[in-house]
Amino acid sequence: MCAEHMKSVDYKDISFLRRYVSDRARIETRRKSSSCAKHQRALARAIKQARHLALIPYTPEHMRLTGYRR
């Protein structure tokens, strides 16, 4: 994200956020996502907002029932 010079992470951009959610519906770590601390915090905040608005499922059970794919 630093290489792309992103100013902010949008919680409505689901296709972007899907890359940073594991198959077990967990937020990927900084090592796996290869983002800096600033962008990792923004990414986690955006994923949590999207989950709250039901744009991204919370658990793997919801992922299986809704047919959510990575």
PDB file of N, CA and C in Angstrom:
ATOM      1  N   MET A   1       0.822  -1.194   0.000  1.00  0.00           N
ATOM      2  CA  MET A   1       0.000   0.000   0.000  1.00  0.00           C
ATOM      3  C   MET A   1       0.865   1.257   0.000  1.00  0.00           C
ATOM      4  N   CYS A   2       2.009   1.198   0.636  1.00  0.00           N
ATOM      5  CA  CYS A   2       2.913   2.345   0.610  1.00  0.00           C
ATOM      6  C   CYS A   2       3.472   2.551  -0.791  1.00  0.00           C
ATOM      7  N   ALA A   3       3.744   1.452  -1.488  1.00  0.00           N
ATOM      8  CA  ALA A   3       4.290   1.552  -2.840  1.00  0.00           C
ATOM      9  C   ALA A   3       3.279   2.166  -3.801  1.00  0.00           C
ATOM     10  N   GLU A   4       1.995   1.950  -3.518  1.00  0.00           N
ATOM     11  CA  GLU A   4       0.934   2.490  -4.368  1.00  0.00           C
ATOM     12  C   GLU A   4       0.536   3.903  -3.949  1.00  0.00           C
ATOM     13  N   HIS A   5       1.137   4.420  -2.878  1.00  0.00           N
ATOM     14  CA  HIS A   5       0.870   5.766  -2.351  1.00  0.00           C
ATOM     15  C   HIS A   5      -0.618   5.961  -2.024  1.00  0.00           C
ATOM     16  N   MET A   6      -1.188   4.993  -1.312  1.00  0.00           N
ATOM     17  CA  MET A   6      -2.590   5.092  -0.914  1.00  0.00           C
ATOM     18  C   MET A   6      -2.706   6.043   0.273  1.00  0.00           C
ATOM     19  N   LYS A   7      -3.642   6.952   0.204  1.00  0.00           N
ATOM     20  CA  LYS A   7      -3.870   7.896   1.302  1.00  0.00           C
ATOM     21  C   LYS A   7      -4.730   7.265   2.392  1.00  0.00           C
ATOM     22  N   SER A   8      -5.750   6.500   1.979  1.00  0.00           N
ATOM     23  CA  SER A   8      -6.630   5.876   2.954  1.00  0.00           C
ATOM     24  C   SER A   8      -7.158   4.559   2.397  1.00  0.00           C
ATOM     25  N   VAL A   9      -7.729   3.765   3.275  1.00  0.00           N
ATOM     26  CA  VAL A   9      -8.320   2.489   2.893  1.00  0.00           C
ATOM     27  C   VAL A   9      -9.826   2.652   3.002  1.00  0.00           C
ATOM     28  N   ASP A  10     -10.528   2.333   1.927  1.00  0.00           N
ATOM     29  CA  ASP A  10     -11.974   2.513   1.893  1.00  0.00           C
ATOM     30  C   ASP A  10     -12.666   1.224   2.330  1.00  0.00           C
ATOM     31  N   TYR A  11     -13.562   1.313   3.304  1.00  0.00           N
ATOM     32  CA  TYR A  11     -14.262   0.138   3.799  1.00  0.00           C
ATOM     33  C   TYR A  11     -15.284  -0.382   2.804  1.00  0.00           C
ATOM     34  N   LYS A  12     -15.639   0.395   1.796  1.00  0.00           N
ATOM     35  CA  LYS A  12     -16.624  -0.026   0.800  1.00  0.00           C
ATOM     36  C   LYS A  12     -15.999  -0.791  -0.361  1.00  0.00           C
ATOM     37  N   ASP A  13     -14.687  -0.813  -0.440  1.00  0.00           N
ATOM     38  CA  ASP A  13     -13.980  -1.508  -1.508  1.00  0.00           C
ATOM     39  C   ASP A  13     -13.765  -2.967  -1.099  1.00  0.00           C
ATOM     40  N   ILE A  14     -14.796  -3.783  -1.267  1.00  0.00           N
ATOM     41  CA  ILE A  14     -14.799  -5.149  -0.775  1.00  0.00           C
ATOM     42  C   ILE A  14     -13.775  -6.020  -1.505  1.00  0.00           C
ATOM     43  N   SER A  15     -13.611  -5.825  -2.792  1.00  0.00           N
ATOM     44  CA  SER A  15     -12.652  -6.647  -3.538  1.00  0.00           C
ATOM     45  C   SER A  15     -11.222  -6.418  -3.026  1.00  0.00           C
ATOM     46  N   PHE A  16     -10.910  -5.210  -2.607  1.00  0.00           N
ATOM     47  CA  PHE A  16      -9.596  -4.908  -2.034  1.00  0.00           C
ATOM     48  C   PHE A  16      -9.452  -5.539  -0.653  1.00  0.00           C
ATOM     49  N   LEU A  17     -10.487  -5.436   0.161  1.00  0.00           N
ATOM     50  CA  LEU A  17     -10.425  -5.948   1.534  1.00  0.00           C
ATOM     51  C   LEU A  17     -10.390  -7.466   1.583  1.00  0.00           C
ATOM     52  N   ARG A  18     -10.984  -8.132   0.601  1.00  0.00           N
ATOM     53  CA  ARG A  18     -10.999  -9.595   0.580  1.00  0.00           C
ATOM     54  C   ARG A  18      -9.595 -10.182   0.566  1.00  0.00           C
ATOM     55  N   ARG A  19      -8.665  -9.484  -0.037  1.00  0.00           N
ATOM     56  CA  ARG A  19      -7.288  -9.976  -0.109  1.00  0.00           C
ATOM     57  C   ARG A  19      -6.639 -10.066   1.266  1.00  0.00           C
ATOM     58  N   TYR A  20      -7.138  -9.313   2.219  1.00  0.00           N
ATOM     59  CA  TYR A  20      -6.532  -9.238   3.544  1.00  0.00           C
ATOM     60  C   TYR A  20      -7.334  -9.965   4.616  1.00  0.00           C
ATOM     61  N   VAL A  21      -8.297 -10.792   4.199  1.00  0.00           N
ATOM     62  CA  VAL A  21      -9.071 -11.622   5.122  1.00  0.00           C
ATOM     63  C   VAL A  21      -8.779 -13.068   4.775  1.00  0.00           C
ATOM     64  N   SER A  22      -8.384 -13.867   5.772  1.00  0.00           N
ATOM     65  CA  SER A  22      -8.015 -15.256   5.516  1.00  0.00           C
ATOM     66  C   SER A  22      -9.252 -16.109   5.272  1.00  0.00           C
ATOM     67  N   ASP A  23      -9.028 -17.377   4.950  1.00  0.00           N
ATOM     68  CA  ASP A  23     -10.147 -18.288   4.730  1.00  0.00           C
ATOM     69  C   ASP A  23     -10.884 -18.602   6.028  1.00  0.00           C
ATOM     70  N   ARG A  24     -10.270 -18.306   7.138  1.00  0.00           N
ATOM     71  CA  ARG A  24     -10.920 -18.477   8.443  1.00  0.00           C
ATOM     72  C   ARG A  24     -11.516 -17.168   8.959  1.00  0.00           C
ATOM     73  N   ALA A  25     -11.659 -16.205   8.074  1.00  0.00           N
ATOM     74  CA  ALA A  25     -12.276 -14.904   8.355  1.00  0.00           C
ATOM     75  C   ALA A  25     -11.472 -14.074   9.344  1.00  0.00           C
ATOM     76  N   ARG A  26     -10.167 -14.248   9.353  1.00  0.00           N
ATOM     77  CA  ARG A  26      -9.303 -13.452  10.218  1.00  0.00           C
ATOM     78  C   ARG A  26      -8.567 -12.407   9.396  1.00  0.00           C
ATOM     79  N   ILE A  27      -8.256 -11.311  10.032  1.00  0.00           N
ATOM     80  CA  ILE A  27      -7.480 -10.269   9.380  1.00  0.00           C
ATOM     81  C   ILE A  27      -6.037 -10.761   9.291  1.00  0.00           C
ATOM     82  N   GLU A  28      -5.459 -10.685   8.103  1.00  0.00           N
ATOM     83  CA  GLU A  28      -4.087 -11.151   7.907  1.00  0.00           C
ATOM     84  C   GLU A  28      -3.111 -10.284   8.693  1.00  0.00           C
ATOM     85  N   THR A  29      -2.014 -10.886   9.132  1.00  0.00           N
ATOM     86  CA  THR A  29      -1.006 -10.169   9.900  1.00  0.00           C
ATOM     87  C   THR A  29      -0.171  -9.274   8.989  1.00  0.00           C
ATOM     88  N   ARG A  30       0.618  -8.425   9.610  1.00  0.00           N
ATOM     89  CA  ARG A  30       1.480  -7.524   8.841  1.00  0.00           C
ATOM     90  C   ARG A  30       2.493  -8.291   8.011  1.00  0.00           C
ATOM     91  N   ARG A  31       2.959  -9.385   8.535  1.00  0.00           N
ATOM     92  CA  ARG A  31       3.940 -10.184   7.788  1.00  0.00           C
ATOM     93  C   ARG A  31       3.353 -10.731   6.504  1.00  0.00           C
ATOM     94  N   LYS A  32       2.125 -11.230   6.582  1.00  0.00           N
ATOM     95  CA  LYS A  32       1.492 -11.803   5.389  1.00  0.00           C
ATOM     96  C   LYS A  32       0.997 -10.733   4.432  1.00  0.00           C
ATOM     97  N   SER A  33       0.494  -9.644   4.964  1.00  0.00           N
ATOM     98  CA  SER A  33      -0.041  -8.598   4.091  1.00  0.00           C
ATOM     99  C   SER A  33       1.056  -7.678   3.574  1.00  0.00           C
ATOM    100  N   SER A  34       2.217  -7.720   4.204  1.00  0.00           N
ATOM    101  CA  SER A  34       3.382  -6.893   3.862  1.00  0.00           C
ATOM    102  C   SER A  34       3.038  -5.412   3.776  1.00  0.00           C
ATOM    103  N   SER A  35       2.356  -4.939   4.795  1.00  0.00           N
ATOM    104  CA  SER A  35       2.028  -3.518   4.871  1.00  0.00           C
ATOM    105  C   SER A  35       2.698  -2.913   6.097  1.00  0.00           C
ATOM    106  N   CYS A  36       2.871  -1.609   6.071  1.00  0.00           N
ATOM    107  CA  CYS A  36       3.486  -0.930   7.211  1.00  0.00           C
ATOM    108  C   CYS A  36       2.459  -0.835   8.352  1.00  0.00           C
ATOM    109  N   ALA A  37       2.909  -0.439   9.514  1.00  0.00           N
ATOM    110  CA  ALA A  37       2.040  -0.389  10.688  1.00  0.00           C
ATOM    111  C   ALA A  37       0.882   0.582  10.490  1.00  0.00           C
ATOM    112  N   LYS A  38       1.154   1.709   9.879  1.00  0.00           N
ATOM    113  CA  LYS A  38       0.119   2.725   9.642  1.00  0.00           C
ATOM    114  C   LYS A  38      -0.989   2.169   8.750  1.00  0.00           C
ATOM    115  N   HIS A  39      -0.616   1.516   7.663  1.00  0.00           N
ATOM    116  CA  HIS A  39      -1.610   0.985   6.749  1.00  0.00           C
ATOM    117  C   HIS A  39      -2.290  -0.265   7.314  1.00  0.00           C
ATOM    118  N   GLN A  40      -1.592  -1.037   8.135  1.00  0.00           N
ATOM    119  CA  GLN A  40      -2.212  -2.202   8.751  1.00  0.00           C
ATOM    120  C   GLN A  40      -3.315  -1.778   9.712  1.00  0.00           C
ATOM    121  N   ARG A  41      -3.094  -0.714  10.461  1.00  0.00           N
ATOM    122  CA  ARG A  41      -4.141  -0.206  11.358  1.00  0.00           C
ATOM    123  C   ARG A  41      -5.338   0.282  10.562  1.00  0.00           C
ATOM    124  N   ALA A  42      -5.082   1.007   9.469  1.00  0.00           N
ATOM    125  CA  ALA A  42      -6.172   1.504   8.625  1.00  0.00           C
ATOM    126  C   ALA A  42      -6.921   0.346   7.980  1.00  0.00           C
ATOM    127  N   LEU A  43      -6.200  -0.682   7.584  1.00  0.00           N
ATOM    128  CA  LEU A  43      -6.800  -1.855   6.970  1.00  0.00           C
ATOM    129  C   LEU A  43      -7.694  -2.585   7.973  1.00  0.00           C
ATOM    130  N   ALA A  44      -7.210  -2.778   9.186  1.00  0.00           N
ATOM    131  CA  ALA A  44      -7.998  -3.448  10.220  1.00  0.00           C
ATOM    132  C   ALA A  44      -9.255  -2.647  10.547  1.00  0.00           C
ATOM    133  N   ARG A  45      -9.120  -1.335  10.619  1.00  0.00           N
ATOM    134  CA  ARG A  45     -10.272  -0.478  10.885  1.00  0.00           C
ATOM    135  C   ARG A  45     -11.310  -0.596   9.771  1.00  0.00           C
ATOM    136  N   ALA A  46     -10.865  -0.610   8.523  1.00  0.00           N
ATOM    137  CA  ALA A  46     -11.779  -0.704   7.383  1.00  0.00           C
ATOM    138  C   ALA A  46     -12.472  -2.063   7.345  1.00  0.00           C
ATOM    139  N   ILE A  47     -11.743  -3.133   7.650  1.00  0.00           N
ATOM    140  CA  ILE A  47     -12.352  -4.466   7.672  1.00  0.00           C
ATOM    141  C   ILE A  47     -13.399  -4.556   8.767  1.00  0.00           C
ATOM    142  N   LYS A  48     -13.107  -3.988   9.928  1.00  0.00           N
ATOM    143  CA  LYS A  48     -14.076  -4.007  11.027  1.00  0.00           C
ATOM    144  C   LYS A  48     -15.321  -3.195  10.694  1.00  0.00           C
ATOM    145  N   GLN A  49     -15.161  -2.061  10.013  1.00  0.00           N
ATOM    146  CA  GLN A  49     -16.314  -1.273   9.585  1.00  0.00           C
ATOM    147  C   GLN A  49     -17.145  -2.043   8.576  1.00  0.00           C
ATOM    148  N   ALA A  50     -16.493  -2.703   7.632  1.00  0.00           N
ATOM    149  CA  ALA A  50     -17.209  -3.479   6.623  1.00  0.00           C
ATOM    150  C   ALA A  50     -17.946  -4.655   7.265  1.00  0.00           C
ATOM    151  N   ARG A  51     -17.355  -5.267   8.272  1.00  0.00           N
ATOM    152  CA  ARG A  51     -18.033  -6.353   8.987  1.00  0.00           C
ATOM    153  C   ARG A  51     -19.251  -5.828   9.726  1.00  0.00           C
ATOM    154  N   HIS A  52     -19.115  -4.675  10.346  1.00  0.00           N
ATOM    155  CA  HIS A  52     -20.228  -4.092  11.091  1.00  0.00           C
ATOM    156  C   HIS A  52     -21.403  -3.787  10.171  1.00  0.00           C
ATOM    157  N   LEU A  53     -21.127  -3.392   8.956  1.00  0.00           N
ATOM    158  CA  LEU A  53     -22.176  -3.088   7.978  1.00  0.00           C
ATOM    159  C   LEU A  53     -22.594  -4.313   7.166  1.00  0.00           C
ATOM    160  N   ALA A  54     -22.088  -5.501   7.542  1.00  0.00           N
ATOM    161  CA  ALA A  54     -22.419  -6.777   6.907  1.00  0.00           C
ATOM    162  C   ALA A  54     -21.979  -6.845   5.455  1.00  0.00           C
ATOM    163  N   LEU A  55     -20.884  -6.179   5.120  1.00  0.00           N
ATOM    164  CA  LEU A  55     -20.323  -6.290   3.783  1.00  0.00           C
ATOM    165  C   LEU A  55     -19.352  -7.457   3.706  1.00  0.00           C
ATOM    166  N   ILE A  56     -18.742  -7.794   4.848  1.00  0.00           N
ATOM    167  CA  ILE A  56     -17.824  -8.928   4.969  1.00  0.00           C
ATOM    168  C   ILE A  56     -18.301  -9.768   6.150  1.00  0.00           C
ATOM    169  N   PRO A  57     -18.309 -11.094   6.017  1.00  0.00           N
ATOM    170  CA  PRO A  57     -18.761 -11.939   7.132  1.00  0.00           C
ATOM    171  C   PRO A  57     -17.761 -11.961   8.293  1.00  0.00           C
ATOM    172  N   TYR A  58     -18.282 -12.209   9.490  1.00  0.00           N
ATOM    173  CA  TYR A  58     -17.461 -12.253  10.700  1.00  0.00           C
ATOM    174  C   TYR A  58     -16.744 -13.583  10.885  1.00  0.00           C
ATOM    175  N   THR A  59     -17.428 -14.696  10.592  1.00  0.00           N
ATOM    176  CA  THR A  59     -16.893 -16.015  10.917  1.00  0.00           C
ATOM    177  C   THR A  59     -16.841 -16.910   9.687  1.00  0.00           C
ATOM    178  N   PRO A  60     -16.065 -17.994   9.760  1.00  0.00           N
ATOM    179  CA  PRO A  60     -16.034 -18.939   8.640  1.00  0.00           C
ATOM    180  C   PRO A  60     -17.393 -19.600   8.410  1.00  0.00           C
ATOM    181  N   GLU A  61     -18.171 -19.737   9.466  1.00  0.00           N
ATOM    182  CA  GLU A  61     -19.527 -20.301   9.339  1.00  0.00           C
ATOM    183  C   GLU A  61     -20.382 -19.427   8.430  1.00  0.00           C
ATOM    184  N   HIS A  62     -20.307 -18.124   8.615  1.00  0.00           N
ATOM    185  CA  HIS A  62     -21.060 -17.204   7.749  1.00  0.00           C
ATOM    186  C   HIS A  62     -20.538 -17.252   6.323  1.00  0.00           C
ATOM    187  N   MET A  63     -19.227 -17.431   6.189  1.00  0.00           N
ATOM    188  CA  MET A  63     -18.633 -17.509   4.855  1.00  0.00           C
ATOM    189  C   MET A  63     -19.150 -18.725   4.109  1.00  0.00           C
ATOM    190  N   ARG A  64     -19.290 -19.834   4.822  1.00  0.00           N
ATOM    191  CA  ARG A  64     -19.769 -21.051   4.195  1.00  0.00           C
ATOM    192  C   ARG A  64     -21.249 -20.951   3.827  1.00  0.00           C
ATOM    193  N   LEU A  65     -22.049 -20.366   4.714  1.00  0.00           N
ATOM    194  CA  LEU A  65     -23.487 -20.267   4.462  1.00  0.00           C
ATOM    195  C   LEU A  65     -23.824 -19.292   3.353  1.00  0.00           C
ATOM    196  N   THR A  66     -23.095 -18.201   3.267  1.00  0.00           N
ATOM    197  CA  THR A  66     -23.415 -17.182   2.269  1.00  0.00           C
ATOM    198  C   THR A  66     -22.721 -17.408   0.933  1.00  0.00           C
ATOM    199  N   GLY A  67     -21.772 -18.326   0.886  1.00  0.00           N
ATOM    200  CA  GLY A  67     -21.051 -18.569  -0.354  1.00  0.00           C
ATOM    201  C   GLY A  67     -20.003 -17.508  -0.650  1.00  0.00           C
ATOM    202  N   TYR A  68     -19.551 -16.831   0.376  1.00  0.00           N
ATOM    203  CA  TYR A  68     -18.523 -15.790   0.255  1.00  0.00           C
ATOM    204  C   TYR A  68     -17.219 -16.402  -0.202  1.00  0.00           C
ATOM    205  N   ARG A  69     -16.625 -15.883  -1.239  1.00  0.00           N
ATOM    206  CA  ARG A  69     -15.374 -16.416  -1.773  1.00  0.00           C
ATOM    207  C   ARG A  69     -14.289 -15.373  -1.698  1.00  0.00           C
ATOM    208  N   ARG A  70     -13.052 -15.833  -1.566  1.00  0.00           N
ATOM    209  CA  ARG A  70     -11.902 -14.938  -1.538  1.00  0.00           C
ATOM    210  C   ARG A  70     -11.554 -14.444  -2.886  1.00  0.00           C
TER     211      ARG A  70
END
